[in-house]
C-alpha atoms as a PDB file:
ATOM      1  CA  MET A   1     105.028 125.924 123.515  1.00  0.00           C
ATOM      2  CA  GLY A   2     104.601 122.203 123.250  1.00  0.00           C
ATOM      3  CA  LEU A   3     105.716 119.117 125.098  1.00  0.00           C
ATOM      4  CA  PHE A   4     106.067 115.920 123.063  1.00  0.00           C
ATOM      5  CA  SER A   5     106.747 112.376 124.280  1.00  0.00           C
ATOM      6  CA  PHE A   6     108.814 109.812 122.386  1.00  0.00           C
ATOM      7  CA  LEU A   7     109.918 106.234 122.959  1.00  0.00           C
ATOM      8  CA  LYS A   8     113.343 106.611 124.555  1.00  0.00           C
ATOM      9  CA  GLU A   9     114.759 103.328 123.257  1.00  0.00           C
ATOM     10  CA  ALA A  10     113.528 103.802 119.665  1.00  0.00           C
ATOM     11  CA  GLY A  11     115.175 106.097 117.201  1.00  0.00           C
ATOM     12  CA  LYS A  12     118.300 106.964 115.361  1.00  0.00           C
ATOM     13  CA  GLY A  13     121.646 106.799 117.098  1.00  0.00           C
ATOM     14  CA  LEU A  14     123.689 109.925 116.418  1.00  0.00           C
ATOM     15  CA  VAL A  15     127.207 109.364 115.135  1.00  0.00           C
ATOM     16  CA  GLY A  16     129.703 110.621 117.670  1.00  0.00           C
ATOM     17  CA  TYR A  17     127.411 110.411 120.697  1.00  0.00           C
ATOM     18  CA  LYS A  18     128.791 108.272 123.484  1.00  0.00           C
ATOM     19  CA  LYS A  19     126.357 106.745 125.936  1.00  0.00           C
ATOM     20  CA  GLN A  20     126.776 108.005 129.495  1.00  0.00           C
ATOM     21  CA  PRO A  21     128.229 105.691 132.139  1.00  0.00           C
ATOM     22  CA  ALA A  22     125.685 103.955 134.396  1.00  0.00           C
ATOM     23  CA  THR A  23     126.387 106.399 137.235  1.00  0.00           C
ATOM     24  CA  PRO A  24     127.918 109.504 135.660  1.00  0.00           C
ATOM     25  CA  THR A  25     129.428 112.252 137.733  1.00  0.00           C
ATOM     26  CA  PRO A  26     127.715 115.649 137.433  1.00  0.00           C
ATOM     27  CA  GLU A  27     130.600 116.759 135.217  1.00  0.00           C
ATOM     28  CA  GLU A  28     130.249 113.720 132.927  1.00  0.00           C
ATOM     29  CA  ARG A  29     126.485 114.246 132.716  1.00  0.00           C
ATOM     30  CA  ALA A  30     126.882 117.942 131.841  1.00  0.00           C
ATOM     31  CA  LYS A  31     129.501 117.127 129.189  1.00  0.00           C
ATOM     32  CA  ALA A  32     127.316 114.384 127.643  1.00  0.00           C
ATOM     33  CA  ASN A  33     124.288 116.735 127.596  1.00  0.00           C
ATOM     34  CA  GLN A  34     126.356 119.441 125.910  1.00  0.00           C
ATOM     35  CA  GLU A  35     127.718 116.979 123.323  1.00  0.00           C
ATOM     36  CA  LEU A  36     124.222 115.724 122.498  1.00  0.00           C
ATOM     37  CA  ALA A  37     122.932 119.297 122.125  1.00  0.00           C
ATOM     38  CA  GLU A  38     125.734 120.041 119.652  1.00  0.00           C
ATOM     39  CA  LEU A  39     125.066 116.837 117.695  1.00  0.00           C
ATOM     40  CA  LEU A  40     121.356 117.734 117.499  1.00  0.00           C
ATOM     41  CA  ARG A  41     122.265 121.208 116.226  1.00  0.00           C
ATOM     42  CA  LYS A  42     124.448 119.646 113.522  1.00  0.00           C
ATOM     43  CA  GLU A  43     121.674 117.181 112.600  1.00  0.00           C
ATOM     44  CA  ILE A  44     119.139 120.016 112.247  1.00  0.00           C
ATOM     45  CA  GLU A  45     121.569 121.963 110.055  1.00  0.00           C
ATOM     46  CA  ALA A  46     122.453 118.867 107.989  1.00  0.00           C
ATOM     47  CA  HIS A  47     118.770 118.407 107.122  1.00  0.00           C
ATOM     48  CA  GLY A  48     118.631 122.013 105.923  1.00  0.00           C
ATOM     49  CA  PHE A  49     116.235 123.288 108.574  1.00  0.00           C
ATOM     50  CA  GLU A  50     116.820 126.981 109.201  1.00  0.00           C
ATOM     51  CA  VAL A  51     116.117 127.918 112.812  1.00  0.00           C
ATOM     52  CA  LYS A  52     116.887 131.520 113.702  1.00  0.00           C
ATOM     53  CA  ASP A  53     118.374 131.982 117.205  1.00  0.00           C
ATOM     54  CA  LEU A  54     118.416 128.208 117.754  1.00  0.00           C
ATOM     55  CA  VAL A  55     119.015 127.156 121.355  1.00  0.00           C
ATOM     56  CA  ILE A  56     119.113 123.481 122.307  1.00  0.00           C
ATOM     57  CA  ASP A  57     119.260 122.397 125.923  1.00  0.00           C
ATOM     58  CA  VAL A  58     119.609 118.741 126.904  1.00  0.00           C
ATOM     59  CA  ASP A  59     118.871 117.383 130.362  1.00  0.00           C
ATOM     60  CA  GLU A  60     119.452 113.616 130.178  1.00  0.00           C
ATOM     61  CA  ASP A  61     116.468 112.345 128.110  1.00  0.00           C
ATOM     62  CA  LYS A  62     114.731 115.725 127.701  1.00  0.00           C
ATOM     63  CA  VAL A  63     115.528 118.212 124.949  1.00  0.00           C
ATOM     64  CA  SER A  64     114.355 121.836 124.988  1.00  0.00           C
ATOM     65  CA  ILE A  65     114.456 123.743 121.702  1.00  0.00           C
ATOM     66  CA  THR A  66     113.819 127.436 121.135  1.00  0.00           C
ATOM     67  CA  GLY A  67     114.138 129.602 118.061  1.00  0.00           C
ATOM     68  CA  GLU A  68     112.174 130.888 115.086  1.00  0.00           C
ATOM     69  CA  VAL A  69     111.266 129.106 111.856  1.00  0.00           C
ATOM     70  CA  ALA A  70     109.514 130.124 108.657  1.00  0.00           C
ATOM     71  CA  SER A  71     106.717 127.530 108.748  1.00  0.00           C
ATOM     72  CA  GLN A  72     104.762 125.090 110.886  1.00  0.00           C
ATOM     73  CA  ASP A  73     106.085 122.094 108.965  1.00  0.00           C
ATOM     74  CA  ILE A  74     109.700 123.070 109.701  1.00  0.00           C
ATOM     75  CA  LYS A  75     108.834 123.440 113.385  1.00  0.00           C
ATOM     76  CA  GLU A  76     107.253 119.985 113.465  1.00  0.00           C
ATOM     77  CA  LYS A  77     110.145 118.409 111.569  1.00  0.00           C
ATOM     78  CA  VAL A  78     112.671 119.891 114.014  1.00  0.00           C
ATOM     79  CA  VAL A  79     110.684 118.447 116.942  1.00  0.00           C
ATOM     80  CA  LEU A  80     110.504 115.030 115.262  1.00  0.00           C
ATOM     81  CA  LEU A  81     114.163 115.092 114.313  1.00  0.00           C
ATOM     82  CA  ALA A  82     115.151 115.624 117.961  1.00  0.00           C
ATOM     83  CA  GLY A  83     112.566 113.220 119.388  1.00  0.00           C
ATOM     84  CA  ASN A  84     113.365 110.391 116.996  1.00  0.00           C
ATOM     85  CA  VAL A  85     116.885 110.135 118.425  1.00  0.00           C
ATOM     86  CA  ARG A  86     117.620 107.113 120.615  1.00  0.00           C
ATOM     87  CA  GLY A  87     117.763 108.173 124.261  1.00  0.00           C
ATOM     88  CA  ILE A  88     115.359 111.110 123.940  1.00  0.00           C
ATOM     89  CA  ALA A  89     112.016 110.699 125.720  1.00  0.00           C
ATOM     90  CA  VAL A  90     110.699 114.280 125.752  1.00  0.00           C
ATOM     91  CA  VAL A  91     111.024 117.294 123.475  1.00  0.00           C
ATOM     92  CA  GLU A  92     109.878 120.643 124.800  1.00  0.00           C
ATOM     93  CA  GLU A  93     109.675 123.264 122.111  1.00  0.00           C
ATOM     94  CA  CYS A  94     109.213 126.984 122.247  1.00  0.00           C
ATOM     95  CA  ILE A  95     109.680 127.626 118.537  1.00  0.00           C
ATOM     96  CA  GLU A  96     108.007 130.639 116.988  1.00  0.00           C
ATOM     97  CA  VAL A  97     106.556 130.271 113.495  1.00  0.00           C
ATOM     98  CA  VAL A  98     106.691 133.260 111.130  1.00  0.00           C
ATOM     99  CA  GLU A  99     103.826 132.014 108.915  1.00  0.00           C
ATOM    100  CA  PRO A 100     101.526 129.846 111.053  1.00  0.00           C
ATOM    101  CA  SER A 101      99.427 127.113 109.465  1.00  0.00           C
ATOM    102  CA  PRO A 102      97.388 124.198 110.852  1.00  0.00           C
ATOM    103  CA  GLU A 103      99.333 121.704 112.928  1.00  0.00           C
ATOM    104  CA  ALA A 104      99.823 118.168 111.667  1.00  0.00           C
ATOM    105  CA  GLN A 105      98.964 115.156 113.805  1.00  0.00           C
ATOM    106  CA  PHE A 106     101.783 112.995 115.138  1.00  0.00           C
ATOM    107  CA  TYR A 107     101.605 109.220 114.939  1.00  0.00           C
ATOM    108  CA  THR A 108     103.858 106.623 116.578  1.00  0.00           C
ATOM    109  CA  VAL A 109     104.612 103.744 114.216  1.00  0.00           C
ATOM    110  CA  GLN A 110     103.477 100.341 115.501  1.00  0.00           C
ATOM    111  CA  LYS A 111     104.805  96.901 114.593  1.00  0.00           C
ATOM    112  CA  GLY A 112     103.338  95.871 111.243  1.00  0.00           C
ATOM    113  CA  ASP A 113     102.671  99.429 110.073  1.00  0.00           C
ATOM    114  CA  SER A 114     103.468 100.722 106.614  1.00  0.00           C
ATOM    115  CA  LEU A 115     102.912 104.181 105.206  1.00  0.00           C
ATOM    116  CA  SER A 116     100.006 102.870 103.132  1.00  0.00           C
ATOM    117  CA  LYS A 117      98.379 101.316 106.221  1.00  0.00           C
ATOM    118  CA  ILE A 118      98.806 104.602 108.105  1.00  0.00           C
ATOM    119  CA  ALA A 119      97.391 106.538 105.126  1.00  0.00           C
ATOM    120  CA  LYS A 120      94.363 104.231 105.070  1.00  0.00           C
ATOM    121  CA  GLN A 121      93.844 104.865 108.803  1.00  0.00           C
ATOM    122  CA  PHE A 122      94.105 108.667 108.595  1.00  0.00           C
ATOM    123  CA  TYR A 123      92.887 109.441 105.077  1.00  0.00           C
ATOM    124  CA  GLY A 124      90.740 106.440 104.216  1.00  0.00           C
ATOM    125  CA  ASP A 125      92.930 105.759 101.177  1.00  0.00           C
ATOM    126  CA  ALA A 126      96.119 103.679 101.273  1.00  0.00           C
ATOM    127  CA  MET A 127      97.293 105.307  98.029  1.00  0.00           C
ATOM    128  CA  LYS A 128      97.715 108.632  99.861  1.00  0.00           C
ATOM    129  CA  TYR A 129     100.898 107.296 101.520  1.00  0.00           C
ATOM    130  CA  PRO A 130     103.085 109.715  99.459  1.00  0.00           C
ATOM    131  CA  VAL A 131     101.507 112.607 101.399  1.00  0.00           C
ATOM    132  CA  ILE A 132     102.915 111.166 104.639  1.00  0.00           C
ATOM    133  CA  PHE A 133     106.233 110.337 103.000  1.00  0.00           C
ATOM    134  CA  GLU A 134     106.640 113.888 101.647  1.00  0.00           C
ATOM    135  CA  ALA A 135     105.597 115.392 105.002  1.00  0.00           C
ATOM    136  CA  ASN A 136     108.432 113.529 106.725  1.00  0.00           C
ATOM    137  CA  LYS A 137     111.235 114.254 104.259  1.00  0.00           C
ATOM    138  CA  PRO A 138     114.182 114.589 104.607  1.00  0.00           C
ATOM    139  CA  MET A 139     114.087 112.409 107.743  1.00  0.00           C
ATOM    140  CA  LEU A 140     112.476 109.604 105.699  1.00  0.00           C
ATOM    141  CA  LYS A 141     114.521 108.637 102.684  1.00  0.00           C
ATOM    142  CA  ASP A 142     112.497 105.589 101.627  1.00  0.00           C
ATOM    143  CA  PRO A 143     108.734 105.050 102.140  1.00  0.00           C
ATOM    144  CA  ASN A 144     109.438 101.406 103.023  1.00  0.00           C
ATOM    145  CA  LEU A 145     111.872 102.187 105.834  1.00  0.00           C
ATOM    146  CA  ILE A 146     109.907 103.066 108.946  1.00  0.00           C
ATOM    147  CA  TYR A 147     110.305 101.417 112.342  1.00  0.00           C
ATOM    148  CA  PRO A 148     108.181 100.818 115.450  1.00  0.00           C
ATOM    149  CA  GLY A 149     108.463 103.705 117.872  1.00  0.00           C
ATOM    150  CA  GLN A 150     109.250 106.248 115.167  1.00  0.00           C
ATOM    151  CA  VAL A 151     107.001 109.306 115.273  1.00  0.00           C
ATOM    152  CA  LEU A 152     105.691 110.679 111.963  1.00  0.00           C
ATOM    153  CA  ARG A 153     103.912 113.860 110.885  1.00  0.00           C
ATOM    154  CA  ILE A 154     100.440 113.269 109.450  1.00  0.00           C
ATOM    155  CA  PRO A 155      99.338 116.494 107.776  1.00  0.00           C
ATOM    156  CA  ALA A 156      95.772 117.320 106.843  1.00  0.00           C
ATOM    157  CA  LEU A 157      95.023 116.704 103.184  1.00  0.00           C
ATOM    158  CA  GLU A 158      94.865 119.883 101.122  1.00  0.00           C
ATOM    159  CA  GLU A 159      91.150 119.441 100.447  1.00  0.00           C
ATOM    160  CA  ASP A 160      90.574 118.871 104.211  1.00  0.00           C
ATOM    161  CA  ALA A 161      92.445 122.052 105.145  1.00  0.00           C
ATOM    162  CA  GLN A 162      90.048 124.336 103.259  1.00  0.00           C
END
């Protein structure tokens, strides 16, 4: 199980999600949480991530996800997909991995960052930026389109993993 923090005000806005009123009633809060959970489920499915027995629970700015996935990278991408949604501050996951592998590092994009700058920081070689880009697909569609507050997966290089 893992607990991951995200910048609540950074991230993608989900189409169809309506922001809660300033002082929602318990019923309005429960309905908004349920709607967000369903939108997250649809987003996970739209990206092609298969999560067996997927359960998503939303409590205001915290998302809890349980289920089973085939690989560590899918698990990490599901966590990042949920956490990189505007309004989410915490993702708690209890996702089982069928074929475990080493965990990637997570990195929060800072103002002025680029994938090549991040690659230089983690790998010592700016030209390794495609490794980071590929590790964050399909959430990243263009290596030049990252934003401050976004959290990215930084996997170990193949030669480092041996």
